[in-house]
């Protein structure tokens, strides 16, 4: 699986570089837009996939900025993903190097102003102590309620799978 994700990442980077060479942009989709409100729900069972998509979301933030649109992004973590968001997570949860990548991505996204919420229902179900969550993460009562609330406020859901 790790090799597959690495290959996918390499292909995405290669495609991104090829697109950059032809000055690809999102001008048609962003016509008349000055702000983009999006909410990502992350519910992954693999730490590597979590780290990868956090990097992709950071790239999405940068692409909005590059194209003159103010990104207003929220990430809601639910399900088993919450196990990868704790300073107490050990090797039994995931490779420590991958957990470190996730913590670094959380910090970078928080520094960019991305709101990162962790579902308290999920932390209870998966036995994660809320006091051990990475810095930059906010605890929300229920991830599904949060998703509906953000959408009701005009945030557009982004499908992650």
C-alpha atoms as a PDB file:
ATOM      1  CA  UNK A   1       0.000   0.000   0.000  1.00  0.00           C
ATOM      2  CA  UNK A   2       2.847   2.353   0.867  1.00  0.00           C
ATOM      3  CA  UNK A   3       4.428   1.778  -2.551  1.00  0.00           C
ATOM      4  CA  UNK A   4       1.058   2.431  -4.222  1.00  0.00           C
ATOM      5  CA  UNK A   5       0.640   5.751  -2.392  1.00  0.00           C
ATOM      6  CA  UNK A   6       4.204   6.769  -3.241  1.00  0.00           C
ATOM      7  CA  UNK A   7       3.575   5.946  -6.898  1.00  0.00           C
ATOM      8  CA  UNK A   8       0.305   7.912  -6.842  1.00  0.00           C
ATOM      9  CA  UNK A   9       2.044  10.878  -5.218  1.00  0.00           C
ATOM     10  CA  UNK A  10       4.820  10.764  -7.835  1.00  0.00           C
ATOM     11  CA  UNK A  11       2.281  10.616 -10.659  1.00  0.00           C
ATOM     12  CA  UNK A  12       0.295  13.503  -9.151  1.00  0.00           C
ATOM     13  CA  UNK A  13       3.472  15.562  -8.821  1.00  0.00           C
ATOM     14  CA  UNK A  14       4.425  14.689 -12.389  1.00  0.00           C
ATOM     15  CA  UNK A  15       0.991  15.646 -13.682  1.00  0.00           C
ATOM     16  CA  UNK A  16       1.112  18.822 -11.612  1.00  0.00           C
ATOM     17  CA  UNK A  17       4.468  19.724 -13.156  1.00  0.00           C
ATOM     18  CA  UNK A  18       3.184  18.961 -16.658  1.00  0.00           C
ATOM     19  CA  UNK A  19       0.152  21.139 -16.001  1.00  0.00           C
ATOM     20  CA  UNK A  20       2.354  23.901 -14.618  1.00  0.00           C
ATOM     21  CA  UNK A  21       4.348  23.804 -17.849  1.00  0.00           C
ATOM     22  CA  UNK A  22       1.163  24.589 -19.827  1.00  0.00           C
ATOM     23  CA  UNK A  23       0.016  27.247 -17.322  1.00  0.00           C
ATOM     24  CA  UNK A  24      -3.018  25.306 -16.138  1.00  0.00           C
ATOM     25  CA  UNK A  25      -5.350  27.170 -13.879  1.00  0.00           C
ATOM     26  CA  UNK A  26      -8.888  27.077 -12.559  1.00  0.00           C
ATOM     27  CA  UNK A  27      -9.970  30.403 -14.060  1.00  0.00           C
ATOM     28  CA  UNK A  28     -13.307  29.116 -15.374  1.00  0.00           C
ATOM     29  CA  UNK A  29     -14.294  27.575 -12.026  1.00  0.00           C
ATOM     30  CA  UNK A  30     -13.063  30.568 -10.039  1.00  0.00           C
ATOM     31  CA  UNK A  31     -14.549  33.306 -12.255  1.00  0.00           C
ATOM     32  CA  UNK A  32     -15.886  36.061 -10.032  1.00  0.00           C
ATOM     33  CA  UNK A  33     -14.945  34.270  -6.813  1.00  0.00           C
ATOM     34  CA  UNK A  34     -12.894  36.013  -4.143  1.00  0.00           C
ATOM     35  CA  UNK A  35     -13.374  33.467  -1.335  1.00  0.00           C
ATOM     36  CA  UNK A  36     -13.674  29.673  -1.345  1.00  0.00           C
ATOM     37  CA  UNK A  37     -15.388  27.975   1.594  1.00  0.00           C
ATOM     38  CA  UNK A  38     -14.791  24.227   1.770  1.00  0.00           C
ATOM     39  CA  UNK A  39     -15.136  21.503   4.379  1.00  0.00           C
ATOM     40  CA  UNK A  40     -13.255  18.219   4.110  1.00  0.00           C
ATOM     41  CA  UNK A  41     -14.385  15.168   6.066  1.00  0.00           C
ATOM     42  CA  UNK A  42     -11.534  12.740   6.694  1.00  0.00           C
ATOM     43  CA  UNK A  43     -12.394   9.182   7.704  1.00  0.00           C
ATOM     44  CA  UNK A  44      -9.398   7.025   6.809  1.00  0.00           C
ATOM     45  CA  UNK A  45      -8.169   3.778   8.333  1.00  0.00           C
ATOM     46  CA  UNK A  46      -4.556   4.278   7.205  1.00  0.00           C
ATOM     47  CA  UNK A  47      -2.107   6.798   8.653  1.00  0.00           C
ATOM     48  CA  UNK A  48      -0.160   7.056   5.371  1.00  0.00           C
ATOM     49  CA  UNK A  49      -3.316   7.987   3.477  1.00  0.00           C
ATOM     50  CA  UNK A  50      -4.151  10.577   6.133  1.00  0.00           C
ATOM     51  CA  UNK A  51      -0.702  12.186   5.833  1.00  0.00           C
ATOM     52  CA  UNK A  52      -0.915  12.169   2.029  1.00  0.00           C
ATOM     53  CA  UNK A  53      -4.317  13.867   1.890  1.00  0.00           C
ATOM     54  CA  UNK A  54      -3.341  16.489   4.448  1.00  0.00           C
ATOM     55  CA  UNK A  55      -0.460  17.366   2.116  1.00  0.00           C
ATOM     56  CA  UNK A  56      -2.900  17.501  -0.812  1.00  0.00           C
ATOM     57  CA  UNK A  57      -5.242  19.809   1.126  1.00  0.00           C
ATOM     58  CA  UNK A  58      -2.292  22.093   1.917  1.00  0.00           C
ATOM     59  CA  UNK A  59      -1.563  22.152  -1.823  1.00  0.00           C
ATOM     60  CA  UNK A  60      -5.200  23.005  -2.535  1.00  0.00           C
ATOM     61  CA  UNK A  61      -4.948  25.915  -0.108  1.00  0.00           C
ATOM     62  CA  UNK A  62      -1.821  27.115  -1.940  1.00  0.00           C
ATOM     63  CA  UNK A  63      -3.560  26.789  -5.319  1.00  0.00           C
ATOM     64  CA  UNK A  64      -6.403  29.030  -4.186  1.00  0.00           C
ATOM     65  CA  UNK A  65      -3.926  31.624  -2.918  1.00  0.00           C
ATOM     66  CA  UNK A  66      -1.882  31.406  -6.135  1.00  0.00           C
ATOM     67  CA  UNK A  67      -5.012  32.142  -8.142  1.00  0.00           C
ATOM     68  CA  UNK A  68      -6.087  35.112  -6.014  1.00  0.00           C
ATOM     69  CA  UNK A  69      -8.864  33.397  -4.062  1.00  0.00           C
ATOM     70  CA  UNK A  70      -9.005  33.527  -0.267  1.00  0.00           C
ATOM     71  CA  UNK A  71      -9.350  29.930   1.005  1.00  0.00           C
ATOM     72  CA  UNK A  72     -11.588  29.407   4.044  1.00  0.00           C
ATOM     73  CA  UNK A  73     -11.140  25.704   4.723  1.00  0.00           C
ATOM     74  CA  UNK A  74     -12.232  23.344   7.490  1.00  0.00           C
ATOM     75  CA  UNK A  75     -11.196  19.727   8.036  1.00  0.00           C
ATOM     76  CA  UNK A  76     -13.373  17.451  10.181  1.00  0.00           C
ATOM     77  CA  UNK A  77     -11.723  14.214  11.334  1.00  0.00           C
ATOM     78  CA  UNK A  78     -14.049  11.338  12.193  1.00  0.00           C
ATOM     79  CA  UNK A  79     -13.830   7.575  12.642  1.00  0.00           C
ATOM     80  CA  UNK A  80     -10.575   5.677  13.076  1.00  0.00           C
ATOM     81  CA  UNK A  81      -8.547   8.585  11.701  1.00  0.00           C
ATOM     82  CA  UNK A  82      -8.625  10.170  15.162  1.00  0.00           C
ATOM     83  CA  UNK A  83      -6.150   7.511  16.324  1.00  0.00           C
ATOM     84  CA  UNK A  84      -3.477   9.179  14.162  1.00  0.00           C
ATOM     85  CA  UNK A  85      -3.942  12.619  15.771  1.00  0.00           C
ATOM     86  CA  UNK A  86      -2.582  11.953  19.244  1.00  0.00           C
ATOM     87  CA  UNK A  87       0.804  12.471  20.845  1.00  0.00           C
ATOM     88  CA  UNK A  88       0.137   9.193  22.699  1.00  0.00           C
ATOM     89  CA  UNK A  89      -0.196   7.127  19.489  1.00  0.00           C
ATOM     90  CA  UNK A  90       2.441   4.454  19.313  1.00  0.00           C
ATOM     91  CA  UNK A  91       3.796   1.924  16.832  1.00  0.00           C
ATOM     92  CA  UNK A  92       0.737  -0.250  17.352  1.00  0.00           C
ATOM     93  CA  UNK A  93      -1.312   2.529  15.710  1.00  0.00           C
ATOM     94  CA  UNK A  94       1.046   3.471  12.861  1.00  0.00           C
ATOM     95  CA  UNK A  95       4.635   4.018  11.810  1.00  0.00           C
ATOM     96  CA  UNK A  96       6.020   6.779  14.076  1.00  0.00           C
ATOM     97  CA  UNK A  97       7.512   8.590  11.070  1.00  0.00           C
ATOM     98  CA  UNK A  98       4.068   8.779   9.440  1.00  0.00           C
ATOM     99  CA  UNK A  99       2.496  10.005  12.672  1.00  0.00           C
ATOM    100  CA  UNK A 100       5.158  12.719  12.775  1.00  0.00           C
ATOM    101  CA  UNK A 101       4.276  13.725   9.183  1.00  0.00           C
ATOM    102  CA  UNK A 102       0.623  14.001  10.194  1.00  0.00           C
ATOM    103  CA  UNK A 103       1.507  16.160  13.199  1.00  0.00           C
ATOM    104  CA  UNK A 104       3.653  18.414  10.978  1.00  0.00           C
ATOM    105  CA  UNK A 105       0.869  18.747   8.392  1.00  0.00           C
ATOM    106  CA  UNK A 106      -1.658  19.601  11.122  1.00  0.00           C
ATOM    107  CA  UNK A 107       0.688  22.339  12.383  1.00  0.00           C
ATOM    108  CA  UNK A 108       1.261  23.750   8.889  1.00  0.00           C
ATOM    109  CA  UNK A 109      -2.442  23.740   8.041  1.00  0.00           C
ATOM    110  CA  UNK A 110      -3.314  25.406  11.351  1.00  0.00           C
ATOM    111  CA  UNK A 111      -0.653  28.064  10.650  1.00  0.00           C
ATOM    112  CA  UNK A 112      -2.361  28.723   7.306  1.00  0.00           C
ATOM    113  CA  UNK A 113      -5.647  29.355   9.115  1.00  0.00           C
ATOM    114  CA  UNK A 114      -7.315  26.057   8.222  1.00  0.00           C
ATOM    115  CA  UNK A 115      -9.681  24.998  10.997  1.00  0.00           C
ATOM    116  CA  UNK A 116      -9.092  21.372  12.041  1.00  0.00           C
ATOM    117  CA  UNK A 117     -11.801  19.669  14.090  1.00  0.00           C
ATOM    118  CA  UNK A 118     -11.741  16.254  15.733  1.00  0.00           C
ATOM    119  CA  UNK A 119     -14.973  14.408  16.493  1.00  0.00           C
ATOM    120  CA  UNK A 120     -15.347  13.728  20.243  1.00  0.00           C
ATOM    121  CA  UNK A 121     -17.642  10.778  19.503  1.00  0.00           C
ATOM    122  CA  UNK A 122     -14.805   9.178  17.514  1.00  0.00           C
ATOM    123  CA  UNK A 123     -12.155   9.885  20.150  1.00  0.00           C
ATOM    124  CA  UNK A 124     -14.367   8.168  22.721  1.00  0.00           C
ATOM    125  CA  UNK A 125     -15.107   5.177  20.465  1.00  0.00           C
ATOM    126  CA  UNK A 126     -11.439   4.707  19.534  1.00  0.00           C
ATOM    127  CA  UNK A 127     -10.052   5.387  23.012  1.00  0.00           C
ATOM    128  CA  UNK A 128      -8.120   8.564  22.231  1.00  0.00           C
ATOM    129  CA  UNK A 129      -7.523  10.882  25.187  1.00  0.00           C
ATOM    130  CA  UNK A 130      -8.634  14.349  24.052  1.00  0.00           C
ATOM    131  CA  UNK A 131      -5.819  15.909  26.113  1.00  0.00           C
ATOM    132  CA  UNK A 132      -3.281  14.199  23.816  1.00  0.00           C
ATOM    133  CA  UNK A 133      -4.568  15.631  20.523  1.00  0.00           C
ATOM    134  CA  UNK A 134      -1.967  17.469  18.450  1.00  0.00           C
ATOM    135  CA  UNK A 135      -1.711  21.191  18.896  1.00  0.00           C
ATOM    136  CA  UNK A 136      -3.803  23.035  16.320  1.00  0.00           C
ATOM    137  CA  UNK A 137      -6.739  20.620  16.551  1.00  0.00           C
ATOM    138  CA  UNK A 138     -10.112  21.673  17.957  1.00  0.00           C
ATOM    139  CA  UNK A 139     -12.474  19.176  19.543  1.00  0.00           C
ATOM    140  CA  UNK A 140     -16.028  19.185  18.174  1.00  0.00           C
ATOM    141  CA  UNK A 141     -18.885  17.308  19.800  1.00  0.00           C
ATOM    142  CA  UNK A 142     -20.011  15.290  16.795  1.00  0.00           C
ATOM    143  CA  UNK A 143     -18.333  15.219  13.393  1.00  0.00           C
ATOM    144  CA  UNK A 144     -21.598  14.652  11.516  1.00  0.00           C
ATOM    145  CA  UNK A 145     -23.223  17.622  13.261  1.00  0.00           C
ATOM    146  CA  UNK A 146     -20.143  19.680  12.414  1.00  0.00           C
ATOM    147  CA  UNK A 147     -20.325  18.705   8.728  1.00  0.00           C
ATOM    148  CA  UNK A 148     -24.002  19.652   8.515  1.00  0.00           C
ATOM    149  CA  UNK A 149     -23.355  22.886  10.398  1.00  0.00           C
ATOM    150  CA  UNK A 150     -20.475  23.934   8.142  1.00  0.00           C
ATOM    151  CA  UNK A 151     -22.516  23.107   5.038  1.00  0.00           C
ATOM    152  CA  UNK A 152     -25.438  25.141   6.408  1.00  0.00           C
ATOM    153  CA  UNK A 153     -23.021  28.054   6.731  1.00  0.00           C
ATOM    154  CA  UNK A 154     -22.141  27.813   3.030  1.00  0.00           C
ATOM    155  CA  UNK A 155     -19.076  25.578   3.200  1.00  0.00           C
ATOM    156  CA  UNK A 156     -18.961  23.176   0.283  1.00  0.00           C
ATOM    157  CA  UNK A 157     -18.195  19.534   1.140  1.00  0.00           C
ATOM    158  CA  UNK A 158     -15.193  17.930  -0.492  1.00  0.00           C
ATOM    159  CA  UNK A 159     -15.379  14.176  -0.944  1.00  0.00           C
ATOM    160  CA  UNK A 160     -12.363  12.260   0.315  1.00  0.00           C
ATOM    161  CA  UNK A 161     -12.012   8.517  -0.314  1.00  0.00           C
END
